[in-house]
Amino acid sequence: MPTITIKDQTTAGKTTGELTLDLLTETLTVRELIRSRVYQEVDDFNRKQAAGSGDNFNGLVQPTGAEKALNGYHLKAPRQIAWRPQFEKACEAFEHNGFLILIDNRQPESLDEEITLRATSTVTFLKLMPLVGG
């Protein structure tokens, strides 16, 4: 069971977040990697909410009813976030090039592509910003 570190980066190469993830198996699909990541970040946030610490969610995709903030997404009122809608939004964002994933400097192209991760693997989620104007 590998433990990997996932990094979020901007297109300029700046790391904006990090998440350590325990996986059940080394071989999984991109969809399963996204599901594991989203489930973990939502679970971490919900635990902090229950403890009364913070209302900013620093996750892969913006929760419904949240506003974009400097360090994530600000929830207007404290609440728990459901992981499944976040997972569905993340899969949709991947399919529409909202972000891409680099695994050991290789870019998987579909949600159903199988990948193999080891403890030494480098996993980067690169968030793409839409261009303004045009």
C-alpha atoms as a PDB file:
ATOM      1  CA  MET A   1       0.000   0.000   0.000  1.00  0.00           C
ATOM      2  CA  PRO A   2       1.854   3.099  -1.199  1.00  0.00           C
ATOM      3  CA  THR A   3       1.679   6.489   0.442  1.00  0.00           C
ATOM      4  CA  ILE A   4       2.094   9.293  -2.072  1.00  0.00           C
ATOM      5  CA  THR A   5       2.297  13.054  -1.911  1.00  0.00           C
ATOM      6  CA  ILE A   6       0.150  14.976  -4.349  1.00  0.00           C
ATOM      7  CA  LYS A   7       1.162  18.523  -5.217  1.00  0.00           C
ATOM      8  CA  ASP A   8      -1.047  21.211  -6.695  1.00  0.00           C
ATOM      9  CA  GLN A   9       0.835  23.578  -8.969  1.00  0.00           C
ATOM     10  CA  THR A  10       0.153  26.572 -11.135  1.00  0.00           C
ATOM     11  CA  THR A  11       1.307  26.725 -14.741  1.00  0.00           C
ATOM     12  CA  ALA A  12       4.171  28.936 -13.502  1.00  0.00           C
ATOM     13  CA  GLY A  13       5.424  26.028 -11.366  1.00  0.00           C
ATOM     14  CA  LYS A  14       4.364  27.439  -7.991  1.00  0.00           C
ATOM     15  CA  THR A  15       3.196  24.775  -5.517  1.00  0.00           C
ATOM     16  CA  THR A  16      -0.142  25.870  -4.039  1.00  0.00           C
ATOM     17  CA  GLY A  17      -0.965  22.830  -1.945  1.00  0.00           C
ATOM     18  CA  GLU A  18       0.108  19.380  -0.879  1.00  0.00           C
ATOM     19  CA  LEU A  19      -1.794  16.298   0.237  1.00  0.00           C
ATOM     20  CA  THR A  20      -0.501  12.959   1.493  1.00  0.00           C
ATOM     21  CA  LEU A  21      -2.628  10.054   0.356  1.00  0.00           C
ATOM     22  CA  ASP A  22      -2.621   6.396   1.408  1.00  0.00           C
ATOM     23  CA  LEU A  23      -3.656   4.151  -1.473  1.00  0.00           C
ATOM     24  CA  LEU A  24      -4.990   0.605  -1.229  1.00  0.00           C
ATOM     25  CA  THR A  25      -3.150  -0.564  -4.341  1.00  0.00           C
ATOM     26  CA  GLU A  26      -0.332   0.561  -6.621  1.00  0.00           C
ATOM     27  CA  THR A  27      -2.367   0.154  -9.812  1.00  0.00           C
ATOM     28  CA  LEU A  28      -5.526   2.202 -10.231  1.00  0.00           C
ATOM     29  CA  THR A  29      -7.321   4.360 -12.777  1.00  0.00           C
ATOM     30  CA  VAL A  30      -7.073   8.128 -12.989  1.00  0.00           C
ATOM     31  CA  ARG A  31     -10.729   8.234 -11.872  1.00  0.00           C
ATOM     32  CA  GLU A  32      -9.836   6.237  -8.724  1.00  0.00           C
ATOM     33  CA  LEU A  33      -6.889   8.553  -8.010  1.00  0.00           C
ATOM     34  CA  ILE A  34      -9.159  11.595  -8.278  1.00  0.00           C
ATOM     35  CA  ARG A  35     -11.783   9.904  -6.088  1.00  0.00           C
ATOM     36  CA  SER A  36      -9.188   9.083  -3.407  1.00  0.00           C
ATOM     37  CA  ARG A  37      -7.821  12.604  -3.474  1.00  0.00           C
ATOM     38  CA  VAL A  38     -11.232  14.310  -3.320  1.00  0.00           C
ATOM     39  CA  TYR A  39     -12.498  11.980  -0.594  1.00  0.00           C
ATOM     40  CA  GLN A  40      -9.407  12.691   1.548  1.00  0.00           C
ATOM     41  CA  GLU A  41      -9.498  16.467   1.157  1.00  0.00           C
ATOM     42  CA  VAL A  42     -13.250  16.627   1.884  1.00  0.00           C
ATOM     43  CA  ASP A  43     -12.839  14.336   4.908  1.00  0.00           C
ATOM     44  CA  ASP A  44      -9.972  16.488   6.229  1.00  0.00           C
ATOM     45  CA  PHE A  45     -12.044  19.648   5.774  1.00  0.00           C
ATOM     46  CA  ASN A  46     -15.138  18.164   7.444  1.00  0.00           C
ATOM     47  CA  ARG A  47     -13.063  17.105  10.466  1.00  0.00           C
ATOM     48  CA  LYS A  48     -11.683  20.643  10.812  1.00  0.00           C
ATOM     49  CA  GLN A  49     -15.207  22.044  10.501  1.00  0.00           C
ATOM     50  CA  ALA A  50     -16.462  19.713  13.227  1.00  0.00           C
ATOM     51  CA  ALA A  51     -13.611  20.904  15.457  1.00  0.00           C
ATOM     52  CA  GLY A  52     -14.590  24.521  14.733  1.00  0.00           C
ATOM     53  CA  SER A  53     -11.412  25.503  12.934  1.00  0.00           C
ATOM     54  CA  GLY A  54     -11.725  27.316   9.644  1.00  0.00           C
ATOM     55  CA  ASP A  55     -14.228  27.751   6.879  1.00  0.00           C
ATOM     56  CA  ASN A  56     -11.872  27.767   3.877  1.00  0.00           C
ATOM     57  CA  PHE A  57     -11.771  24.680   1.710  1.00  0.00           C
ATOM     58  CA  ASN A  58      -8.507  24.181  -0.142  1.00  0.00           C
ATOM     59  CA  GLY A  59      -9.508  21.482  -2.587  1.00  0.00           C
ATOM     60  CA  LEU A  60      -9.336  20.527  -6.215  1.00  0.00           C
ATOM     61  CA  VAL A  61     -12.686  22.033  -7.227  1.00  0.00           C
ATOM     62  CA  GLN A  62     -14.938  24.751  -5.835  1.00  0.00           C
ATOM     63  CA  PRO A  63     -17.838  23.551  -3.669  1.00  0.00           C
ATOM     64  CA  THR A  64     -21.331  24.754  -4.505  1.00  0.00           C
ATOM     65  CA  GLY A  65     -22.132  27.951  -2.627  1.00  0.00           C
ATOM     66  CA  ALA A  66     -18.493  28.832  -1.943  1.00  0.00           C
ATOM     67  CA  GLU A  67     -16.569  31.890  -3.079  1.00  0.00           C
ATOM     68  CA  LYS A  68     -13.064  31.846  -4.464  1.00  0.00           C
ATOM     69  CA  ALA A  69     -10.549  33.163  -1.893  1.00  0.00           C
ATOM     70  CA  LEU A  70      -6.782  33.649  -1.780  1.00  0.00           C
ATOM     71  CA  ASN A  71      -6.218  30.328  -0.016  1.00  0.00           C
ATOM     72  CA  GLY A  72      -8.944  28.119  -1.430  1.00  0.00           C
ATOM     73  CA  TYR A  73     -12.703  28.553  -1.336  1.00  0.00           C
ATOM     74  CA  HIS A  74     -14.584  30.416   1.398  1.00  0.00           C
ATOM     75  CA  LEU A  75     -17.842  28.903   2.596  1.00  0.00           C
ATOM     76  CA  LYS A  76     -20.395  31.568   3.443  1.00  0.00           C
ATOM     77  CA  ALA A  77     -21.618  29.553   6.416  1.00  0.00           C
ATOM     78  CA  PRO A  78     -19.921  26.659   8.224  1.00  0.00           C
ATOM     79  CA  ARG A  79     -21.136  23.325   6.861  1.00  0.00           C
ATOM     80  CA  GLN A  80     -20.022  19.857   5.914  1.00  0.00           C
ATOM     81  CA  ILE A  81     -19.145  19.183   2.279  1.00  0.00           C
ATOM     82  CA  ALA A  82     -20.314  15.999   0.524  1.00  0.00           C
ATOM     83  CA  TRP A  83     -17.473  14.223  -1.266  1.00  0.00           C
ATOM     84  CA  ARG A  84     -19.481  12.708  -4.142  1.00  0.00           C
ATOM     85  CA  PRO A  85     -20.573  16.017  -5.782  1.00  0.00           C
ATOM     86  CA  GLN A  86     -16.974  17.236  -5.419  1.00  0.00           C
ATOM     87  CA  PHE A  87     -15.736  14.044  -7.089  1.00  0.00           C
ATOM     88  CA  GLU A  88     -18.226  14.425  -9.953  1.00  0.00           C
ATOM     89  CA  LYS A  89     -17.165  18.064 -10.478  1.00  0.00           C
ATOM     90  CA  ALA A  90     -13.506  17.030 -10.440  1.00  0.00           C
ATOM     91  CA  CYS A  91     -14.060  14.329 -13.073  1.00  0.00           C
ATOM     92  CA  GLU A  92     -15.935  16.821 -15.243  1.00  0.00           C
ATOM     93  CA  ALA A  93     -13.157  19.386 -14.808  1.00  0.00           C
ATOM     94  CA  PHE A  94     -10.546  16.784 -15.828  1.00  0.00           C
ATOM     95  CA  GLU A  95     -12.520  15.883 -18.944  1.00  0.00           C
ATOM     96  CA  HIS A  96     -12.892  19.581 -19.884  1.00  0.00           C
ATOM     97  CA  ASN A  97      -9.226  20.453 -19.261  1.00  0.00           C
ATOM     98  CA  GLY A  98      -9.802  22.370 -16.028  1.00  0.00           C
ATOM     99  CA  PHE A  99      -6.683  20.658 -14.720  1.00  0.00           C
ATOM    100  CA  LEU A 100      -4.269  18.029 -15.830  1.00  0.00           C
ATOM    101  CA  ILE A 101      -2.371  15.394 -13.923  1.00  0.00           C
ATOM    102  CA  LEU A 102       1.309  14.592 -14.280  1.00  0.00           C
ATOM    103  CA  ILE A 103       2.493  11.255 -12.908  1.00  0.00           C
ATOM    104  CA  ASP A 104       6.255  10.889 -13.003  1.00  0.00           C
ATOM    105  CA  ASN A 105       6.220  13.586 -15.734  1.00  0.00           C
ATOM    106  CA  ARG A 106       3.732  11.623 -17.859  1.00  0.00           C
ATOM    107  CA  GLN A 107       0.238  12.931 -18.548  1.00  0.00           C
ATOM    108  CA  PRO A 108      -2.637  10.424 -18.497  1.00  0.00           C
ATOM    109  CA  GLU A 109      -5.338  11.342 -20.989  1.00  0.00           C
ATOM    110  CA  SER A 110      -8.507   9.645 -19.778  1.00  0.00           C
ATOM    111  CA  LEU A 111     -10.280   8.919 -16.519  1.00  0.00           C
ATOM    112  CA  ASP A 112     -10.185   5.179 -17.219  1.00  0.00           C
ATOM    113  CA  GLU A 113      -6.460   5.020 -17.972  1.00  0.00           C
ATOM    114  CA  GLU A 114      -4.637   2.691 -15.589  1.00  0.00           C
ATOM    115  CA  ILE A 115      -1.637   4.087 -13.753  1.00  0.00           C
ATOM    116  CA  THR A 116       0.897   2.559 -11.392  1.00  0.00           C
ATOM    117  CA  LEU A 117       1.997   4.592  -8.377  1.00  0.00           C
ATOM    118  CA  ARG A 118       4.827   3.868  -6.010  1.00  0.00           C
ATOM    119  CA  ALA A 119       5.970   5.727  -2.904  1.00  0.00           C
ATOM    120  CA  THR A 120       8.597   7.422  -5.090  1.00  0.00           C
ATOM    121  CA  SER A 121       6.093   8.579  -7.727  1.00  0.00           C
ATOM    122  CA  THR A 122       5.680  12.283  -8.363  1.00  0.00           C
ATOM    123  CA  VAL A 123       2.009  13.243  -8.716  1.00  0.00           C
ATOM    124  CA  THR A 124       1.140  16.800  -9.721  1.00  0.00           C
ATOM    125  CA  PHE A 125      -2.287  18.304 -10.328  1.00  0.00           C
ATOM    126  CA  LEU A 126      -1.760  21.298 -12.581  1.00  0.00           C
ATOM    127  CA  LYS A 127      -4.688  23.699 -12.418  1.00  0.00           C
ATOM    128  CA  LEU A 128      -5.253  25.498 -15.690  1.00  0.00           C
ATOM    129  CA  MET A 129      -6.557  29.036 -15.688  1.00  0.00           C
ATOM    130  CA  PRO A 130      -8.978  30.086 -18.420  1.00  0.00           C
ATOM    131  CA  LEU A 131      -7.762  32.958 -20.571  1.00  0.00           C
ATOM    132  CA  VAL A 132      -9.623  36.232 -20.229  1.00  0.00           C
ATOM    133  CA  GLY A 133     -10.566  38.285 -23.258  1.00  0.00           C
ATOM    134  CA  GLY A 134     -10.426  37.218 -26.855  1.00  0.00           C
END
